[in-house]
Amino acid sequence: MKKIKDDPQTRFWVTTCKYCGSTFIKFQNATKYCSDKCRDYSTLEHTEKRVRKHRKKHRSQTDSYWGLGSGYLHGTPKNDFKEERKAIMMERRRLKLPAK
């Protein structure tokens, strides 16, 4: 980071964007990104990494939430046989399993 002027009225720095690496002029010391678009994309990437890490950590603890049964099937069967069969067929379709 290079300081161009020392006058407090026109203080700015030439620096590089943390996301895309392009050179830009910043007027505040806390600025990290050259545009709102770069800031938003960086936030999305950070959130994606955080969510993946969370899911990987908790996947084994909550298999019922992440795996089979998270769609149309629930812990208790339906009272009507036709509704239960329909739920099973929808779950098969969701999981792309062949029908018998």
PDB file of N, CA and C in Angstrom:
ATOM      1  N   MET A   1       0.854  -1.158   0.000  1.00  0.00           N
ATOM      2  CA  MET A   1       0.000   0.000   0.000  1.00  0.00           C
ATOM      3  C   MET A   1       0.906   1.228   0.000  1.00  0.00           C
ATOM      4  N   LYS A   2       0.729   2.096  -0.985  1.00  0.00           N
ATOM      5  CA  LYS A   2       1.516   3.314  -1.150  1.00  0.00           C
ATOM      6  C   LYS A   2       0.673   4.531  -0.831  1.00  0.00           C
ATOM      7  N   LYS A   3       1.191   5.399   0.019  1.00  0.00           N
ATOM      8  CA  LYS A   3       0.486   6.640   0.317  1.00  0.00           C
ATOM      9  C   LYS A   3       0.894   7.671  -0.733  1.00  0.00           C
ATOM     10  N   ILE A   4      -0.106   8.269  -1.417  1.00  0.00           N
ATOM     11  CA  ILE A   4       0.175   9.230  -2.481  1.00  0.00           C
ATOM     12  C   ILE A   4       0.352  10.630  -1.920  1.00  0.00           C
ATOM     13  N   LYS A   5      -0.626  11.100  -1.175  1.00  0.00           N
ATOM     14  CA  LYS A   5      -0.576  12.464  -0.631  1.00  0.00           C
ATOM     15  C   LYS A   5      -0.666  12.390   0.884  1.00  0.00           C
ATOM     16  N   ASP A   6      -0.089  13.386   1.543  1.00  0.00           N
ATOM     17  CA  ASP A   6      -0.128  13.414   3.003  1.00  0.00           C
ATOM     18  C   ASP A   6      -1.100  14.458   3.525  1.00  0.00           C
ATOM     19  N   ASP A   7      -1.671  15.252   2.654  1.00  0.00           N
ATOM     20  CA  ASP A   7      -2.622  16.280   3.041  1.00  0.00           C
ATOM     21  C   ASP A   7      -3.914  15.607   3.524  1.00  0.00           C
ATOM     22  N   PRO A   8      -4.421  15.933   4.739  1.00  0.00           N
ATOM     23  CA  PRO A   8      -5.612  15.259   5.253  1.00  0.00           C
ATOM     24  C   PRO A   8      -6.864  15.471   4.397  1.00  0.00           C
ATOM     25  N   GLN A   9      -6.925  16.544   3.633  1.00  0.00           N
ATOM     26  CA  GLN A   9      -8.100  16.798   2.807  1.00  0.00           C
ATOM     27  C   GLN A   9      -8.143  15.885   1.585  1.00  0.00           C
ATOM     28  N   THR A  10      -6.986  15.480   1.071  1.00  0.00           N
ATOM     29  CA  THR A  10      -6.949  14.669  -0.146  1.00  0.00           C
ATOM     30  C   THR A  10      -6.125  13.402   0.068  1.00  0.00           C
ATOM     31  N   ARG A  11      -6.319  12.723   1.173  1.00  0.00           N
ATOM     32  CA  ARG A  11      -5.559  11.521   1.481  1.00  0.00           C
ATOM     33  C   ARG A  11      -6.188  10.323   0.768  1.00  0.00           C
ATOM     34  N   PHE A  12      -5.395   9.613  -0.006  1.00  0.00           N
ATOM     35  CA  PHE A  12      -5.856   8.391  -0.656  1.00  0.00           C
ATOM     36  C   PHE A  12      -4.672   7.481  -0.894  1.00  0.00           C
ATOM     37  N   TRP A  13      -4.965   6.196  -1.134  1.00  0.00           N
ATOM     38  CA  TRP A  13      -3.930   5.188  -1.326  1.00  0.00           C
ATOM     39  C   TRP A  13      -4.214   4.376  -2.574  1.00  0.00           C
ATOM     40  N   VAL A  14      -3.172   3.938  -3.235  1.00  0.00           N
ATOM     41  CA  VAL A  14      -3.305   3.013  -4.359  1.00  0.00           C
ATOM     42  C   VAL A  14      -3.053   1.617  -3.799  1.00  0.00           C
ATOM     43  N   THR A  15      -4.003   0.712  -3.983  1.00  0.00           N
ATOM     44  CA  THR A  15      -3.902  -0.639  -3.431  1.00  0.00           C
ATOM     45  C   THR A  15      -4.537  -1.643  -4.389  1.00  0.00           C
ATOM     46  N   THR A  16      -4.474  -2.912  -4.045  1.00  0.00           N
ATOM     47  CA  THR A  16      -5.069  -3.950  -4.893  1.00  0.00           C
ATOM     48  C   THR A  16      -6.295  -4.544  -4.212  1.00  0.00           C
ATOM     49  N   CYS A  17      -7.227  -4.967  -5.031  1.00  0.00           N
ATOM     50  CA  CYS A  17      -8.476  -5.571  -4.557  1.00  0.00           C
ATOM     51  C   CYS A  17      -8.180  -6.955  -3.983  1.00  0.00           C
ATOM     52  N   LYS A  18      -8.777  -7.280  -2.834  1.00  0.00           N
ATOM     53  CA  LYS A  18      -8.571  -8.580  -2.202  1.00  0.00           C
ATOM     54  C   LYS A  18      -9.248  -9.707  -2.973  1.00  0.00           C
ATOM     55  N   TYR A  19     -10.238  -9.389  -3.823  1.00  0.00           N
ATOM     56  CA  TYR A  19     -10.964 -10.427  -4.551  1.00  0.00           C
ATOM     57  C   TYR A  19     -10.411 -10.627  -5.967  1.00  0.00           C
ATOM     58  N   CYS A  20     -10.355  -9.573  -6.752  1.00  0.00           N
ATOM     59  CA  CYS A  20      -9.972  -9.728  -8.162  1.00  0.00           C
ATOM     60  C   CYS A  20      -8.516  -9.369  -8.440  1.00  0.00           C
ATOM     61  N   GLY A  21      -7.861  -8.665  -7.520  1.00  0.00           N
ATOM     62  CA  GLY A  21      -6.456  -8.328  -7.686  1.00  0.00           C
ATOM     63  C   GLY A  21      -6.179  -7.094  -8.525  1.00  0.00           C
ATOM     64  N   SER A  22      -7.207  -6.381  -8.943  1.00  0.00           N
ATOM     65  CA  SER A  22      -6.991  -5.168  -9.742  1.00  0.00           C
ATOM     66  C   SER A  22      -6.563  -4.001  -8.848  1.00  0.00           C
ATOM     67  N   THR A  23      -5.865  -3.057  -9.427  1.00  0.00           N
ATOM     68  CA  THR A  23      -5.396  -1.882  -8.698  1.00  0.00           C
ATOM     69  C   THR A  23      -6.498  -0.822  -8.670  1.00  0.00           C
ATOM     70  N   PHE A  24      -6.678  -0.196  -7.518  1.00  0.00           N
ATOM     71  CA  PHE A  24      -7.694   0.853  -7.384  1.00  0.00           C
ATOM     72  C   PHE A  24      -7.254   1.853  -6.330  1.00  0.00           C
ATOM     73  N   ILE A  25      -7.923   2.991  -6.288  1.00  0.00           N
ATOM     74  CA  ILE A  25      -7.630   4.039  -5.314  1.00  0.00           C
ATOM     75  C   ILE A  25      -8.666   3.954  -4.202  1.00  0.00           C
ATOM     76  N   LYS A  26      -8.177   3.896  -2.953  1.00  0.00           N
ATOM     77  CA  LYS A  26      -9.113   3.866  -1.822  1.00  0.00           C
ATOM     78  C   LYS A  26      -8.946   5.127  -0.998  1.00  0.00           C
ATOM     79  N   PHE A  27     -10.056   5.617  -0.461  1.00  0.00           N
ATOM     80  CA  PHE A  27     -10.073   6.844   0.312  1.00  0.00           C
ATOM     81  C   PHE A  27     -10.246   6.577   1.801  1.00  0.00           C
ATOM     82  N   GLN A  28     -10.595   5.342   2.151  1.00  0.00           N
ATOM     83  CA  GLN A  28     -10.718   4.953   3.554  1.00  0.00           C
ATOM     84  C   GLN A  28      -9.773   3.790   3.812  1.00  0.00           C
ATOM     85  N   ASN A  29      -9.224   3.738   4.996  1.00  0.00           N
ATOM     86  CA  ASN A  29      -8.245   2.714   5.315  1.00  0.00           C
ATOM     87  C   ASN A  29      -8.860   1.317   5.348  1.00  0.00           C
ATOM     88  N   ALA A  30     -10.137   1.187   5.661  1.00  0.00           N
ATOM     89  CA  ALA A  30     -10.777  -0.114   5.809  1.00  0.00           C
ATOM     90  C   ALA A  30     -11.241  -0.726   4.489  1.00  0.00           C
ATOM     91  N   THR A  31     -11.177   0.003   3.388  1.00  0.00           N
ATOM     92  CA  THR A  31     -11.649  -0.502   2.103  1.00  0.00           C
ATOM     93  C   THR A  31     -10.746  -1.633   1.624  1.00  0.00           C
ATOM     94  N   LYS A  32     -11.367  -2.779   1.242  1.00  0.00           N
ATOM     95  CA  LYS A  32     -10.601  -3.940   0.792  1.00  0.00           C
ATOM     96  C   LYS A  32     -10.878  -4.296  -0.664  1.00  0.00           C
ATOM     97  N   TYR A  33     -12.041  -3.890  -1.173  1.00  0.00           N
ATOM     98  CA  TYR A  33     -12.471  -4.322  -2.504  1.00  0.00           C
ATOM     99  C   TYR A  33     -12.662  -3.115  -3.420  1.00  0.00           C
ATOM    100  N   CYS A  34     -12.445  -3.339  -4.715  1.00  0.00           N
ATOM    101  CA  CYS A  34     -12.527  -2.237  -5.673  1.00  0.00           C
ATOM    102  C   CYS A  34     -13.965  -1.834  -5.979  1.00  0.00           C
ATOM    103  N   SER A  35     -14.920  -2.741  -5.789  1.00  0.00           N
ATOM    104  CA  SER A  35     -16.315  -2.418  -6.092  1.00  0.00           C
ATOM    105  C   SER A  35     -17.252  -3.212  -5.189  1.00  0.00           C
ATOM    106  N   ASP A  36     -18.525  -2.845  -5.231  1.00  0.00           N
ATOM    107  CA  ASP A  36     -19.539  -3.576  -4.475  1.00  0.00           C
ATOM    108  C   ASP A  36     -19.677  -5.000  -5.005  1.00  0.00           C
ATOM    109  N   LYS A  37     -19.498  -5.163  -6.298  1.00  0.00           N
ATOM    110  CA  LYS A  37     -19.605  -6.486  -6.912  1.00  0.00           C
ATOM    111  C   LYS A  37     -18.550  -7.441  -6.355  1.00  0.00           C
ATOM    112  N   CYS A  38     -17.298  -6.980  -6.262  1.00  0.00           N
ATOM    113  CA  CYS A  38     -16.223  -7.798  -5.704  1.00  0.00           C
ATOM    114  C   CYS A  38     -16.496  -8.127  -4.236  1.00  0.00           C
ATOM    115  N   ARG A  39     -17.001  -7.158  -3.479  1.00  0.00           N
ATOM    116  CA  ARG A  39     -17.318  -7.387  -2.075  1.00  0.00           C
ATOM    117  C   ARG A  39     -18.421  -8.452  -1.940  1.00  0.00           C
ATOM    118  N   ASP A  40     -19.453  -8.342  -2.788  1.00  0.00           N
ATOM    119  CA  ASP A  40     -20.551  -9.307  -2.730  1.00  0.00           C
ATOM    120  C   ASP A  40     -20.090 -10.709  -3.106  1.00  0.00           C
ATOM    121  N   TYR A  41     -19.279 -10.841  -4.162  1.00  0.00           N
ATOM    122  CA  TYR A  41     -18.776 -12.148  -4.572  1.00  0.00           C
ATOM    123  C   TYR A  41     -17.878 -12.754  -3.496  1.00  0.00           C
ATOM    124  N   SER A  42     -17.073 -11.931  -2.864  1.00  0.00           N
ATOM    125  CA  SER A  42     -16.212 -12.418  -1.795  1.00  0.00           C
ATOM    126  C   SER A  42     -17.048 -12.931  -0.621  1.00  0.00           C
ATOM    127  N   THR A  43     -18.092 -12.199  -0.281  1.00  0.00           N
ATOM    128  CA  THR A  43     -18.988 -12.618   0.795  1.00  0.00           C
ATOM    129  C   THR A  43     -19.660 -13.936   0.460  1.00  0.00           C
ATOM    130  N   LEU A  44     -20.110 -14.094  -0.792  1.00  0.00           N
ATOM    131  CA  LEU A  44     -20.736 -15.350  -1.215  1.00  0.00           C
ATOM    132  C   LEU A  44     -19.768 -16.518  -1.104  1.00  0.00           C
ATOM    133  N   GLU A  45     -18.538 -16.338  -1.545  1.00  0.00           N
ATOM    134  CA  GLU A  45     -17.547 -17.405  -1.458  1.00  0.00           C
ATOM    135  C   GLU A  45     -17.263 -17.783  -0.011  1.00  0.00           C
ATOM    136  N   HIS A  46     -17.127 -16.780   0.842  1.00  0.00           N
ATOM    137  CA  HIS A  46     -16.862 -17.046   2.255  1.00  0.00           C
ATOM    138  C   HIS A  46     -18.030 -17.812   2.884  1.00  0.00           C
ATOM    139  N   THR A  47     -19.251 -17.397   2.575  1.00  0.00           N
ATOM    140  CA  THR A  47     -20.432 -18.069   3.112  1.00  0.00           C
ATOM    141  C   THR A  47     -20.506 -19.505   2.620  1.00  0.00           C
ATOM    142  N   GLU A  48     -20.206 -19.725   1.345  1.00  0.00           N
ATOM    143  CA  GLU A  48     -20.231 -21.065   0.776  1.00  0.00           C
ATOM    144  C   GLU A  48     -19.230 -21.981   1.483  1.00  0.00           C
ATOM    145  N   LYS A  49     -18.025 -21.492   1.720  1.00  0.00           N
ATOM    146  CA  LYS A  49     -17.018 -22.292   2.426  1.00  0.00           C
ATOM    147  C   LYS A  49     -17.465 -22.607   3.850  1.00  0.00           C
ATOM    148  N   ARG A  50     -18.039 -21.617   4.514  1.00  0.00           N
ATOM    149  CA  ARG A  50     -18.487 -21.808   5.896  1.00  0.00           C
ATOM    150  C   ARG A  50     -19.611 -22.837   5.977  1.00  0.00           C
ATOM    151  N   VAL A  51     -20.562 -22.765   5.050  1.00  0.00           N
ATOM    152  CA  VAL A  51     -21.688 -23.703   5.047  1.00  0.00           C
ATOM    153  C   VAL A  51     -21.208 -25.115   4.728  1.00  0.00           C
ATOM    154  N   ARG A  52     -20.293 -25.264   3.768  1.00  0.00           N
ATOM    155  CA  ARG A  52     -19.752 -26.588   3.447  1.00  0.00           C
ATOM    156  C   ARG A  52     -19.050 -27.193   4.654  1.00  0.00           C
ATOM    157  N   LYS A  53     -18.276 -26.384   5.355  1.00  0.00           N
ATOM    158  CA  LYS A  53     -17.567 -26.864   6.539  1.00  0.00           C
ATOM    159  C   LYS A  53     -18.563 -27.307   7.610  1.00  0.00           C
ATOM    160  N   HIS A  54     -19.618 -26.519   7.819  1.00  0.00           N
ATOM    161  CA  HIS A  54     -20.644 -26.853   8.804  1.00  0.00           C
ATOM    162  C   HIS A  54     -21.355 -28.153   8.435  1.00  0.00           C
ATOM    163  N   ARG A  55     -21.727 -28.294   7.164  1.00  0.00           N
ATOM    164  CA  ARG A  55     -22.423 -29.509   6.741  1.00  0.00           C
ATOM    165  C   ARG A  55     -21.540 -30.742   6.874  1.00  0.00           C
ATOM    166  N   LYS A  56     -20.261 -30.603   6.521  1.00  0.00           N
ATOM    167  CA  LYS A  56     -19.338 -31.722   6.628  1.00  0.00           C
ATOM    168  C   LYS A  56     -19.177 -32.143   8.087  1.00  0.00           C
ATOM    169  N   LYS A  57     -19.121 -31.170   8.980  1.00  0.00           N
ATOM    170  CA  LYS A  57     -18.947 -31.449  10.400  1.00  0.00           C
ATOM    171  C   LYS A  57     -20.164 -32.144  10.997  1.00  0.00           C
ATOM    172  N   HIS A  58     -21.362 -31.726  10.600  1.00  0.00           N
ATOM    173  CA  HIS A  58     -22.585 -32.222  11.218  1.00  0.00           C
ATOM    174  C   HIS A  58     -23.307 -33.293  10.415  1.00  0.00           C
ATOM    175  N   ARG A  59     -22.782 -33.684   9.267  1.00  0.00           N
ATOM    176  CA  ARG A  59     -23.460 -34.668   8.421  1.00  0.00           C
ATOM    177  C   ARG A  59     -23.626 -36.002   9.136  1.00  0.00           C
ATOM    178  N   SER A  60     -22.589 -36.491   9.804  1.00  0.00           N
ATOM    179  CA  SER A  60     -22.669 -37.791  10.452  1.00  0.00           C
ATOM    180  C   SER A  60     -23.619 -37.773  11.647  1.00  0.00           C
ATOM    181  N   GLN A  61     -23.778 -36.631  12.283  1.00  0.00           N
ATOM    182  CA  GLN A  61     -24.649 -36.536  13.447  1.00  0.00           C
ATOM    183  C   GLN A  61     -26.119 -36.502  13.060  1.00  0.00           C
ATOM    184  N   THR A  62     -26.434 -35.997  11.892  1.00  0.00           N
ATOM    185  CA  THR A  62     -27.835 -35.846  11.489  1.00  0.00           C
ATOM    186  C   THR A  62     -28.059 -36.488  10.124  1.00  0.00           C
ATOM    187  N   ASP A  63     -27.802 -37.790  10.026  1.00  0.00           N
ATOM    188  CA  ASP A  63     -27.985 -38.485   8.753  1.00  0.00           C
ATOM    189  C   ASP A  63     -29.426 -38.431   8.273  1.00  0.00           C
ATOM    190  N   SER A  64     -30.377 -38.454   9.212  1.00  0.00           N
ATOM    191  CA  SER A  64     -31.776 -38.415   8.785  1.00  0.00           C
ATOM    192  C   SER A  64     -32.114 -37.079   8.136  1.00  0.00           C
ATOM    193  N   TYR A  65     -31.434 -36.015   8.542  1.00  0.00           N
ATOM    194  CA  TYR A  65     -31.708 -34.712   7.945  1.00  0.00           C
ATOM    195  C   TYR A  65     -31.093 -34.596   6.564  1.00  0.00           C
ATOM    196  N   TRP A  66     -29.879 -35.104   6.365  1.00  0.00           N
ATOM    197  CA  TRP A  66     -29.166 -34.935   5.101  1.00  0.00           C
ATOM    198  C   TRP A  66     -29.461 -36.042   4.097  1.00  0.00           C
ATOM    199  N   GLY A  67     -29.865 -37.195   4.551  1.00  0.00           N
ATOM    200  CA  GLY A  67     -29.976 -38.321   3.639  1.00  0.00           C
ATOM    201  C   GLY A  67     -31.399 -38.745   3.375  1.00  0.00           C
ATOM    202  N   LEU A  68     -31.620 -40.017   3.378  1.00  0.00           N
ATOM    203  CA  LEU A  68     -32.911 -40.603   3.082  1.00  0.00           C
ATOM    204  C   LEU A  68     -33.955 -40.144   4.097  1.00  0.00           C
ATOM    205  N   GLY A  69     -35.115 -39.822   3.610  1.00  0.00           N
ATOM    206  CA  GLY A  69     -36.183 -39.410   4.495  1.00  0.00           C
ATOM    207  C   GLY A  69     -36.272 -37.911   4.682  1.00  0.00           C
ATOM    208  N   SER A  70     -35.406 -37.167   4.056  1.00  0.00           N
ATOM    209  CA  SER A  70     -35.472 -35.722   4.230  1.00  0.00           C
ATOM    210  C   SER A  70     -36.464 -35.087   3.263  1.00  0.00           C
ATOM    211  N   GLY A  71     -37.068 -35.887   2.412  1.00  0.00           N
ATOM    212  CA  GLY A  71     -37.995 -35.351   1.438  1.00  0.00           C
ATOM    213  C   GLY A  71     -39.436 -35.575   1.825  1.00  0.00           C
ATOM    214  N   TYR A  72     -40.032 -36.612   1.274  1.00  0.00           N
ATOM    215  CA  TYR A  72     -41.459 -36.838   1.451  1.00  0.00           C
ATOM    216  C   TYR A  72     -41.776 -37.843   2.552  1.00  0.00           C
ATOM    217  N   LEU A  73     -40.798 -38.588   3.029  1.00  0.00           N
ATOM    218  CA  LEU A  73     -41.035 -39.573   4.082  1.00  0.00           C
ATOM    219  C   LEU A  73     -40.763 -38.946   5.439  1.00  0.00           C
ATOM    220  N   HIS A  74     -41.526 -39.368   6.437  1.00  0.00           N
ATOM    221  CA  HIS A  74     -41.368 -38.840   7.782  1.00  0.00           C
ATOM    222  C   HIS A  74     -41.230 -39.998   8.756  1.00  0.00           C
ATOM    223  N   GLY A  75     -41.057 -39.699  10.027  1.00  0.00           N
ATOM    224  CA  GLY A  75     -40.844 -40.729  11.040  1.00  0.00           C
ATOM    225  C   GLY A  75     -42.031 -41.648  11.229  1.00  0.00           C
ATOM    226  N   THR A  76     -43.246 -41.128  11.099  1.00  0.00           N
ATOM    227  CA  THR A  76     -44.432 -41.969  11.287  1.00  0.00           C
ATOM    228  C   THR A  76     -45.131 -42.180   9.949  1.00  0.00           C
ATOM    229  N   PRO A  77     -45.595 -43.399   9.687  1.00  0.00           N
ATOM    230  CA  PRO A  77     -46.294 -43.655   8.424  1.00  0.00           C
ATOM    231  C   PRO A  77     -47.676 -43.008   8.413  1.00  0.00           C
ATOM    232  N   LYS A  78     -48.166 -42.794   7.211  1.00  0.00           N
ATOM    233  CA  LYS A  78     -49.503 -42.209   7.065  1.00  0.00           C
ATOM    234  C   LYS A  78     -50.562 -43.277   7.333  1.00  0.00           C
ATOM    235  N   ASN A  79     -51.743 -42.863   7.751  1.00  0.00           N
ATOM    236  CA  ASN A  79     -52.819 -43.810   8.052  1.00  0.00           C
ATOM    237  C   ASN A  79     -53.387 -44.430   6.788  1.00  0.00           C
ATOM    238  N   ASP A  80     -53.479 -43.650   5.725  1.00  0.00           N
ATOM    239  CA  ASP A  80     -54.025 -44.145   4.471  1.00  0.00           C
ATOM    240  C   ASP A  80     -52.918 -44.799   3.646  1.00  0.00           C
ATOM    241  N   PHE A  81     -53.158 -46.042   3.202  1.00  0.00           N
ATOM    242  CA  PHE A  81     -52.154 -46.791   2.455  1.00  0.00           C
ATOM    243  C   PHE A  81     -51.813 -46.107   1.135  1.00  0.00           C
ATOM    244  N   LYS A  82     -52.803 -45.533   0.458  1.00  0.00           N
ATOM    245  CA  LYS A  82     -52.561 -44.887  -0.836  1.00  0.00           C
ATOM    246  C   LYS A  82     -51.671 -43.653  -0.670  1.00  0.00           C
ATOM    247  N   GLU A  83     -51.891 -42.872   0.372  1.00  0.00           N
ATOM    248  CA  GLU A  83     -51.058 -41.699   0.624  1.00  0.00           C
ATOM    249  C   GLU A  83     -49.622 -42.097   0.951  1.00  0.00           C
ATOM    250  N   GLU A  84     -49.469 -43.174   1.732  1.00  0.00           N
ATOM    251  CA  GLU A  84     -48.126 -43.659   2.074  1.00  0.00           C
ATOM    252  C   GLU A  84     -47.390 -44.140   0.825  1.00  0.00           C
ATOM    253  N   ARG A  85     -48.105 -44.869  -0.049  1.00  0.00           N
ATOM    254  CA  ARG A  85     -47.489 -45.354  -1.289  1.00  0.00           C
ATOM    255  C   ARG A  85     -47.082 -44.179  -2.186  1.00  0.00           C
ATOM    256  N   LYS A  86     -47.929 -43.164  -2.264  1.00  0.00           N
ATOM    257  CA  LYS A  86     -47.629 -41.980  -3.058  1.00  0.00           C
ATOM    258  C   LYS A  86     -46.380 -41.269  -2.520  1.00  0.00           C
ATOM    259  N   ALA A  87     -46.250 -41.156  -1.194  1.00  0.00           N
ATOM    260  CA  ALA A  87     -45.079 -40.531  -0.587  1.00  0.00           C
ATOM    261  C   ALA A  87     -43.813 -41.326  -0.892  1.00  0.00           C
ATOM    262  N   ILE A  88     -43.919 -42.661  -0.841  1.00  0.00           N
ATOM    263  CA  ILE A  88     -42.761 -43.514  -1.149  1.00  0.00           C
ATOM    264  C   ILE A  88     -42.354 -43.360  -2.600  1.00  0.00           C
ATOM    265  N   MET A  89     -43.304 -43.309  -3.506  1.00  0.00           N
ATOM    266  CA  MET A  89     -42.991 -43.164  -4.931  1.00  0.00           C
ATOM    267  C   MET A  89     -42.364 -41.786  -5.215  1.00  0.00           C
ATOM    268  N   MET A  90     -42.854 -40.762  -4.549  1.00  0.00           N
ATOM    269  CA  MET A  90     -42.275 -39.424  -4.734  1.00  0.00           C
ATOM    270  C   MET A  90     -40.832 -39.388  -4.216  1.00  0.00           C
ATOM    271  N   GLU A  91     -40.591 -40.079  -3.100  1.00  0.00           N
ATOM    272  CA  GLU A  91     -39.233 -40.142  -2.547  1.00  0.00           C
ATOM    273  C   GLU A  91     -38.305 -40.902  -3.495  1.00  0.00           C
ATOM    274  N   ARG A  92     -38.812 -41.968  -4.095  1.00  0.00           N
ATOM    275  CA  ARG A  92     -38.019 -42.715  -5.080  1.00  0.00           C
ATOM    276  C   ARG A  92     -37.662 -41.836  -6.266  1.00  0.00           C
ATOM    277  N   ARG A  93     -38.633 -41.086  -6.746  1.00  0.00           N
ATOM    278  CA  ARG A  93     -38.388 -40.188  -7.867  1.00  0.00           C
ATOM    279  C   ARG A  93     -37.355 -39.117  -7.504  1.00  0.00           C
ATOM    280  N   ARG A  94     -37.472 -38.581  -6.282  1.00  0.00           N
ATOM    281  CA  ARG A  94     -36.537 -37.549  -5.827  1.00  0.00           C
ATOM    282  C   ARG A  94     -35.110 -38.088  -5.760  1.00  0.00           C
ATOM    283  N   LEU A  95     -34.956 -39.330  -5.324  1.00  0.00           N
ATOM    284  CA  LEU A  95     -33.645 -39.955  -5.217  1.00  0.00           C
ATOM    285  C   LEU A  95     -33.187 -40.631  -6.512  1.00  0.00           C
ATOM    286  N   LYS A  96     -34.041 -40.561  -7.545  1.00  0.00           N
ATOM    287  CA  LYS A  96     -33.755 -41.152  -8.861  1.00  0.00           C
ATOM    288  C   LYS A  96     -33.481 -42.652  -8.762  1.00  0.00           C
ATOM    289  N   LEU A  97     -34.326 -43.338  -7.985  1.00  0.00           N
ATOM    290  CA  LEU A  97     -34.249 -44.792  -7.865  1.00  0.00           C
ATOM    291  C   LEU A  97     -35.237 -45.420  -8.840  1.00  0.00           C
ATOM    292  N   PRO A  98     -34.912 -46.570  -9.405  1.00  0.00           N
ATOM    293  CA  PRO A  98     -35.844 -47.201 -10.352  1.00  0.00           C
ATOM    294  C   PRO A  98     -37.090 -47.721  -9.633  1.00  0.00           C
ATOM    295  N   ALA A  99     -38.225 -47.617 -10.304  1.00  0.00           N
ATOM    296  CA  ALA A  99     -39.470 -48.148  -9.758  1.00  0.00           C
ATOM    297  C   ALA A  99     -39.509 -49.651 -10.008  1.00  0.00           C
ATOM    298  N   LYS A 100     -40.175 -50.390  -9.116  1.00  0.00           N
ATOM    299  CA  LYS A 100     -40.258 -51.845  -9.263  1.00  0.00           C
ATOM    300  C   LYS A 100     -41.238 -52.227 -10.334  1.00  0.00           C
TER     301      LYS A 100
END
